[in-house]
């Protein structure tokens, strides 16, 4: 019985090593490699949007050391209602900004865009 147990252990170990090698060859970086490399998209302020009737508000906080330029975009539900795009606002490191815009009637969609200044 011992040779069978040793062979099973050896096969299990070989399978685990092969699987680990295949995973490491896929090119997917580990979490530590991403953190040390510095992600270029780590300048986006975190934003929350709220819709109250025909008014939309975006509250944004920038926790990163780079400035983020944000804009609020509001798409109105009615075909005759003009969509609104706010002026760009720069949110500095540890900064906060609140953007508000509205439609005449209902709002279909609201989103915030980010860009580097």
Protein backbone atom coordinates (compact mmCIF):
# COMPACT_ATOMS: atom_id res chain seq x y z
CA UNK A 1 0.00 0.00 0.00
CA UNK A 2 2.89 2.37 0.62
CA UNK A 3 4.07 2.56 -3.02
CA UNK A 4 0.56 3.54 -4.12
CA UNK A 5 0.36 6.31 -1.52
CA UNK A 6 3.79 7.64 -2.54
CA UNK A 7 2.84 7.58 -6.21
CA UNK A 8 -0.43 9.42 -5.48
CA UNK A 9 1.44 12.05 -3.47
CA UNK A 10 4.01 12.44 -6.23
CA UNK A 11 1.31 12.80 -8.89
CA UNK A 12 -0.58 15.34 -6.79
CA UNK A 13 2.57 17.38 -6.21
CA UNK A 14 3.44 17.26 -9.91
CA UNK A 15 -0.08 18.37 -10.85
CA UNK A 16 0.05 21.29 -8.43
CA UNK A 17 3.47 22.39 -9.65
CA UNK A 18 2.37 22.18 -13.27
CA UNK A 19 -0.79 24.16 -12.54
CA UNK A 20 1.23 26.80 -10.70
CA UNK A 21 3.65 27.04 -13.59
CA UNK A 22 0.81 27.39 -16.08
CA UNK A 23 -0.77 30.16 -14.00
CA UNK A 24 2.53 32.02 -13.71
CA UNK A 25 3.08 31.79 -17.48
CA UNK A 26 -0.29 33.36 -18.33
CA UNK A 27 1.11 36.83 -17.83
CA UNK A 28 -1.38 37.85 -15.17
CA UNK A 29 0.59 39.96 -12.66
CA UNK A 30 0.31 39.31 -8.99
CA UNK A 31 -1.27 41.87 -6.67
CA UNK A 32 2.14 42.90 -5.36
CA UNK A 33 3.48 43.54 -8.84
CA UNK A 34 0.56 45.84 -9.68
CA UNK A 35 0.94 47.82 -6.46
CA UNK A 36 4.69 48.29 -6.85
CA UNK A 37 4.51 49.14 -10.55
CA UNK A 38 2.11 52.04 -10.00
CA UNK A 39 -1.18 51.87 -11.87
CA UNK A 40 -1.45 54.73 -14.41
CA UNK A 41 -5.25 54.91 -13.90
CA UNK A 42 -4.97 55.76 -10.22
CA UNK A 43 -5.96 59.39 -10.66
CA UNK A 44 -9.76 58.99 -10.89
CA UNK A 45 -11.69 60.70 -8.14
CA UNK A 46 -14.39 58.53 -6.60
CA UNK A 47 -17.78 59.96 -7.54
CA UNK A 48 -21.35 59.30 -6.47
CA UNK A 49 -24.30 60.48 -8.52
CA UNK A 50 -27.80 61.23 -7.31
CA UNK A 51 -30.96 62.08 -9.23
CA UNK A 52 -33.78 63.99 -7.56
CA UNK A 53 -36.59 64.72 -9.98
CA UNK A 54 -35.07 66.72 -12.83
CA UNK A 55 -31.83 67.62 -10.99
CA UNK A 56 -28.65 65.50 -11.02
CA UNK A 57 -25.74 65.88 -8.59
CA UNK A 58 -22.28 64.31 -8.60
CA UNK A 59 -20.19 64.38 -5.41
CA UNK A 60 -16.53 63.58 -6.06
CA UNK A 61 -13.55 63.10 -3.75
CA UNK A 62 -10.00 62.66 -5.05
CA UNK A 63 -7.87 60.48 -2.73
CA UNK A 64 -4.89 60.39 -5.12
CA UNK A 65 -1.88 62.75 -5.34
CA UNK A 66 -2.65 63.65 -9.00
CA UNK A 67 -5.26 66.19 -10.07
CA UNK A 68 -8.37 64.82 -11.78
CA UNK A 69 -10.50 66.87 -14.19
CA UNK A 70 -14.14 65.80 -13.95
CA UNK A 71 -17.30 66.64 -15.90
CA UNK A 72 -20.93 65.80 -15.21
CA UNK A 73 -23.02 64.62 -18.16
CA UNK A 74 -26.82 64.50 -18.00
CA UNK A 75 -28.95 62.84 -20.68
CA UNK A 76 -32.55 63.97 -20.58
CA UNK A 77 -35.44 61.57 -21.20
CA UNK A 78 -37.51 63.78 -23.49
CA UNK A 79 -36.43 64.17 -27.11
CA UNK A 80 -36.93 67.94 -27.02
CA UNK A 81 -35.02 68.42 -23.75
CA UNK A 82 -31.40 69.48 -24.29
CA UNK A 83 -28.76 67.24 -22.68
CA UNK A 84 -26.36 68.97 -20.30
CA UNK A 85 -22.57 68.74 -19.96
CA UNK A 86 -20.93 70.69 -17.16
CA UNK A 87 -17.75 72.69 -17.47
CA UNK A 88 -14.62 70.74 -16.46
CA UNK A 89 -13.63 71.05 -12.82
CA UNK A 90 -10.14 70.21 -11.49
CA UNK A 91 -10.18 68.24 -8.25
CA UNK A 92 -6.78 68.40 -6.58
CA UNK A 93 -5.25 65.88 -4.18
CA UNK A 94 -7.58 65.23 -1.24
CA UNK A 95 -10.05 67.62 -2.89
CA UNK A 96 -13.83 67.54 -3.08
CA UNK A 97 -16.18 68.85 -5.76
CA UNK A 98 -19.92 68.81 -6.24
CA UNK A 99 -21.40 69.27 -9.71
CA UNK A 100 -25.09 69.87 -10.38
CA UNK A 101 -27.08 70.09 -13.60
CA UNK A 102 -30.68 69.57 -14.66
CA UNK A 103 -33.19 68.79 -17.35
CA UNK A 104 -36.59 70.43 -17.82
CA UNK A 105 -38.34 67.12 -17.21
CA UNK A 106 -37.11 63.59 -16.43
CA UNK A 107 -33.49 62.42 -16.52
CA UNK A 108 -32.57 59.29 -18.47
CA UNK A 109 -28.90 58.86 -17.50
CA UNK A 110 -26.13 60.58 -15.54
CA UNK A 111 -22.39 59.89 -15.64
CA UNK A 112 -19.07 61.50 -14.75
CA UNK A 113 -16.00 61.53 -17.00
CA UNK A 114 -12.40 61.81 -15.82
CA UNK A 115 -9.34 63.11 -17.61
CA UNK A 116 -5.85 64.22 -16.75
CA UNK A 117 -5.45 68.01 -16.74
